[in-house]
């Protein structure tokens, strides 16, 4: 019998219909609409870094949002390859660069930071889960700290970020750090998050 995560819920079916490989796209869409992470009225170069990008829903959302905008660039990274099921060639465009590798490794970090500075860092990255909430939260905290390092080193002044964390443990330390790094930092849980999930997102606006 399929568990809840294997069943296609409203968001999963909507993602299939609208051409995204995962339901997670609606989390980013809601965050973007609430906090205006990608400003379509921006007439300057706009560069985004997507960490933990596979299967590619967030990257596809960004590239589709870029349509009609000039001087845009997206850099994405993940241990796994991106799904090509729905991209319709967007992943082959000149304004997209993908690195398959471990974002915590210095050589991968250097390769990604070379493409910066970025106006936005987004991450839906999650550690391999064990089912043990304490262990999973600790792993998420460690991963979130790595992503936050990218924001520190690679975000342009005034830039923003959206970062997934598993609530619990010392994850409040991440938000505290973000409040030091950004003019505004807050927690936000999109409607598309599963009700049983303990994930949430930390949003940072306006890097100091």
Protein backbone atom coordinates (compact mmCIF):
# COMPACT_ATOMS: atom_id res chain seq x y z
CA UNK A 1 0.00 0.00 0.00
CA UNK A 2 1.44 3.39 -0.95
CA UNK A 3 2.35 5.75 1.85
CA UNK A 4 1.18 9.37 1.87
CA UNK A 5 4.34 10.64 0.19
CA UNK A 6 3.82 8.27 -2.74
CA UNK A 7 0.21 9.25 -3.31
CA UNK A 8 -0.39 12.03 -5.83
CA UNK A 9 -2.04 14.84 -3.91
CA UNK A 10 -3.53 18.07 -5.29
CA UNK A 11 -0.13 19.76 -5.58
CA UNK A 12 1.53 16.77 -7.27
CA UNK A 13 -1.24 16.49 -9.85
CA UNK A 14 -1.11 20.25 -10.44
CA UNK A 15 2.66 20.03 -10.98
CA UNK A 16 2.24 17.30 -13.60
CA UNK A 17 -0.46 19.29 -15.36
CA UNK A 18 1.62 22.48 -15.42
CA UNK A 19 4.85 20.75 -16.45
CA UNK A 20 6.97 20.56 -13.31
CA UNK A 21 8.71 17.41 -12.04
CA UNK A 22 7.79 18.01 -8.37
CA UNK A 23 5.13 19.67 -6.20
CA UNK A 24 7.83 21.74 -4.47
CA UNK A 25 7.48 24.38 -7.20
CA UNK A 26 4.38 25.75 -5.48
CA UNK A 27 6.33 26.43 -2.30
CA UNK A 28 8.72 28.64 -4.25
CA UNK A 29 5.85 30.24 -6.18
CA UNK A 30 4.08 31.20 -2.96
CA UNK A 31 7.32 32.51 -1.42
CA UNK A 32 8.13 34.49 -4.56
CA UNK A 33 4.65 36.01 -4.76
CA UNK A 34 4.69 36.99 -1.08
CA UNK A 35 8.22 38.39 -0.93
CA UNK A 36 8.85 39.33 -4.61
CA UNK A 37 12.11 37.40 -4.84
CA UNK A 38 12.25 37.67 -8.64
CA UNK A 39 11.36 41.18 -9.74
CA UNK A 40 10.17 41.10 -13.34
CA UNK A 41 10.37 44.89 -13.47
CA UNK A 42 14.09 44.72 -12.70
CA UNK A 43 16.04 46.36 -15.53
CA UNK A 44 19.44 45.32 -14.26
CA UNK A 45 21.29 42.02 -14.47
CA UNK A 46 19.52 39.45 -12.27
CA UNK A 47 21.37 36.30 -11.24
CA UNK A 48 20.03 33.39 -9.19
CA UNK A 49 21.72 30.44 -7.45
CA UNK A 50 19.56 27.33 -6.85
CA UNK A 51 21.14 24.86 -4.41
CA UNK A 52 19.73 21.35 -4.13
CA UNK A 53 17.96 21.85 -7.44
CA UNK A 54 17.01 18.29 -8.48
CA UNK A 55 14.67 17.22 -9.93
CA UNK A 56 14.49 20.77 -11.25
CA UNK A 57 11.13 22.34 -10.37
CA UNK A 58 12.60 25.43 -8.72
CA UNK A 59 15.06 25.96 -11.58
CA UNK A 60 12.28 25.60 -14.13
CA UNK A 61 10.16 28.11 -12.23
CA UNK A 62 13.02 30.62 -12.26
CA UNK A 63 13.79 30.13 -15.95
CA UNK A 64 10.12 30.49 -16.88
CA UNK A 65 9.89 33.61 -14.71
CA UNK A 66 12.92 34.96 -16.59
CA UNK A 67 10.93 34.87 -19.85
CA UNK A 68 10.84 38.39 -21.26
CA UNK A 69 13.51 39.62 -18.85
CA UNK A 70 16.93 40.65 -20.12
CA UNK A 71 20.34 39.96 -18.57
CA UNK A 72 19.21 37.02 -16.43
CA UNK A 73 21.26 34.02 -15.34
CA UNK A 74 20.56 30.92 -13.26
CA UNK A 75 23.17 28.64 -11.74
CA UNK A 76 21.96 25.37 -10.19
CA UNK A 77 23.59 22.49 -8.37
CA UNK A 78 22.66 19.10 -6.96
CA UNK A 79 24.13 15.66 -6.31
CA UNK A 80 21.58 14.27 -8.77
CA UNK A 81 20.92 15.24 -12.39
CA UNK A 82 17.92 17.38 -13.31
CA UNK A 83 14.86 15.84 -14.91
CA UNK A 84 14.52 16.76 -18.59
CA UNK A 85 10.88 15.66 -18.77
CA UNK A 86 9.37 19.15 -18.78
CA UNK A 87 12.13 21.67 -19.48
CA UNK A 88 11.49 21.94 -23.26
CA UNK A 89 15.07 23.01 -23.85
CA UNK A 90 15.25 25.64 -21.12
CA UNK A 91 18.12 23.76 -19.48
CA UNK A 92 20.09 24.10 -22.73
CA UNK A 93 19.84 27.90 -22.83
CA UNK A 94 22.87 30.16 -22.47
CA UNK A 95 21.44 31.73 -19.31
CA UNK A 96 21.60 28.44 -17.38
CA UNK A 97 24.54 26.63 -15.81
CA UNK A 98 24.27 23.35 -13.87
CA UNK A 99 26.84 21.63 -11.68
CA UNK A 100 26.27 18.04 -10.56
CA UNK A 101 28.15 17.65 -7.30
CA UNK A 102 28.23 18.10 -3.54
CA UNK A 103 27.60 21.75 -2.66
CA UNK A 104 29.48 21.31 0.63
CA UNK A 105 32.79 20.59 -1.13
CA UNK A 106 35.20 23.52 -1.55
CA UNK A 107 35.87 22.88 -5.26
CA UNK A 108 32.13 22.80 -6.06
CA UNK A 109 31.59 25.92 -3.95
CA UNK A 110 34.35 27.74 -5.81
CA UNK A 111 32.88 26.74 -9.17
CA UNK A 112 29.44 28.05 -8.16
CA UNK A 113 30.70 31.27 -6.61
CA UNK A 114 32.66 32.04 -9.78
CA UNK A 115 29.30 32.59 -11.50
CA UNK A 116 28.28 35.21 -8.91
CA UNK A 117 27.66 37.59 -7.39
CA UNK A 118 24.01 36.60 -7.12
CA UNK A 119 20.89 38.64 -6.49
CA UNK A 120 19.04 35.64 -5.06
CA UNK A 121 20.03 32.35 -3.43
CA UNK A 122 17.30 29.71 -3.15
CA UNK A 123 17.56 26.27 -1.63
CA UNK A 124 15.07 23.45 -1.26
CA UNK A 125 17.94 21.13 -0.36
CA UNK A 126 17.24 18.44 2.22
CA UNK A 127 19.54 15.83 3.73
CA UNK A 128 19.00 12.11 3.31
CA UNK A 129 16.36 11.45 5.96
CA UNK A 130 16.39 8.62 8.51
CA UNK A 131 12.91 8.98 9.98
CA UNK A 132 14.48 10.04 13.27
CA UNK A 133 13.43 13.66 13.70
CA UNK A 134 16.39 14.60 15.91
CA UNK A 135 18.92 13.17 13.47
CA UNK A 136 17.17 14.64 10.43
CA UNK A 137 16.94 18.09 12.07
CA UNK A 138 20.66 18.01 12.87
CA UNK A 139 21.49 17.07 9.29
CA UNK A 140 19.20 19.81 7.99
CA UNK A 141 20.88 22.34 10.27
CA UNK A 142 24.31 21.38 8.96
CA UNK A 143 23.12 21.67 5.35
CA UNK A 144 21.41 25.01 6.02
CA UNK A 145 24.66 26.37 7.44
CA UNK A 146 26.42 25.40 4.21
CA UNK A 147 23.76 27.17 2.13
CA UNK A 148 23.99 30.24 4.33
CA UNK A 149 27.71 30.35 3.62
CA UNK A 150 26.89 30.74 -0.08
CA UNK A 151 24.69 33.71 0.80
CA UNK A 152 27.48 35.26 2.85
CA UNK A 153 30.08 34.80 0.11
CA UNK A 154 28.04 35.02 -3.07
CA UNK A 155 25.08 37.35 -2.55
CA UNK A 156 25.32 40.91 -3.79
CA UNK A 157 24.40 43.74 -1.44
CA UNK A 158 20.62 44.02 -1.33
CA UNK A 159 20.20 40.39 -2.39
CA UNK A 160 17.72 37.90 -0.94
CA UNK A 161 17.48 34.23 -0.10
CA UNK A 162 14.97 31.45 0.61
CA UNK A 163 16.22 28.48 2.59
CA UNK A 164 14.51 25.25 3.68
CA UNK A 165 15.08 23.96 7.20
CA UNK A 166 13.63 21.18 9.33
CA UNK A 167 12.17 22.78 12.45
CA UNK A 168 13.59 21.76 15.81
CA UNK A 169 16.91 21.57 17.59
CA UNK A 170 19.03 24.67 17.07
CA UNK A 171 17.55 25.77 13.73
CA UNK A 172 16.66 29.09 15.37
CA UNK A 173 20.39 29.83 15.23
CA UNK A 174 20.10 29.94 11.42
CA UNK A 175 17.35 32.54 11.57
CA UNK A 176 19.35 34.54 14.10
CA UNK A 177 22.36 34.47 11.77
CA UNK A 178 20.15 35.58 8.87
CA UNK A 179 18.84 38.52 10.90
CA UNK A 180 22.45 39.66 11.21
CA UNK A 181 23.07 39.19 7.47
CA UNK A 182 19.82 40.67 6.10
CA UNK A 183 17.72 43.73 6.83
CA UNK A 184 14.68 41.45 7.13
CA UNK A 185 14.64 37.74 8.01
CA UNK A 186 11.61 35.64 8.91
CA UNK A 187 10.13 32.16 8.92
CA UNK A 188 7.42 31.24 6.43
CA UNK A 189 5.60 27.96 5.78
CA UNK A 190 3.90 27.79 2.35
CA UNK A 191 0.51 26.12 2.00
CA UNK A 192 2.04 23.51 -0.33
CA UNK A 193 4.09 22.02 2.51
CA UNK A 194 2.66 18.68 3.58
CA UNK A 195 0.67 18.99 6.81
CA UNK A 196 2.76 16.27 8.47
CA UNK A 197 6.04 17.83 7.41
CA UNK A 198 8.21 19.74 9.91
CA UNK A 199 9.92 21.71 7.16
CA UNK A 200 9.70 25.47 6.93
CA UNK A 201 11.50 28.22 5.03
CA UNK A 202 13.63 31.09 6.24
CA UNK A 203 13.45 34.17 4.05
CA UNK A 204 16.13 36.85 4.03
CA UNK A 205 15.49 40.16 2.25
CA UNK A 206 18.08 42.86 1.58
CA UNK A 207 21.59 41.64 2.33
CA UNK A 208 23.45 44.25 4.35
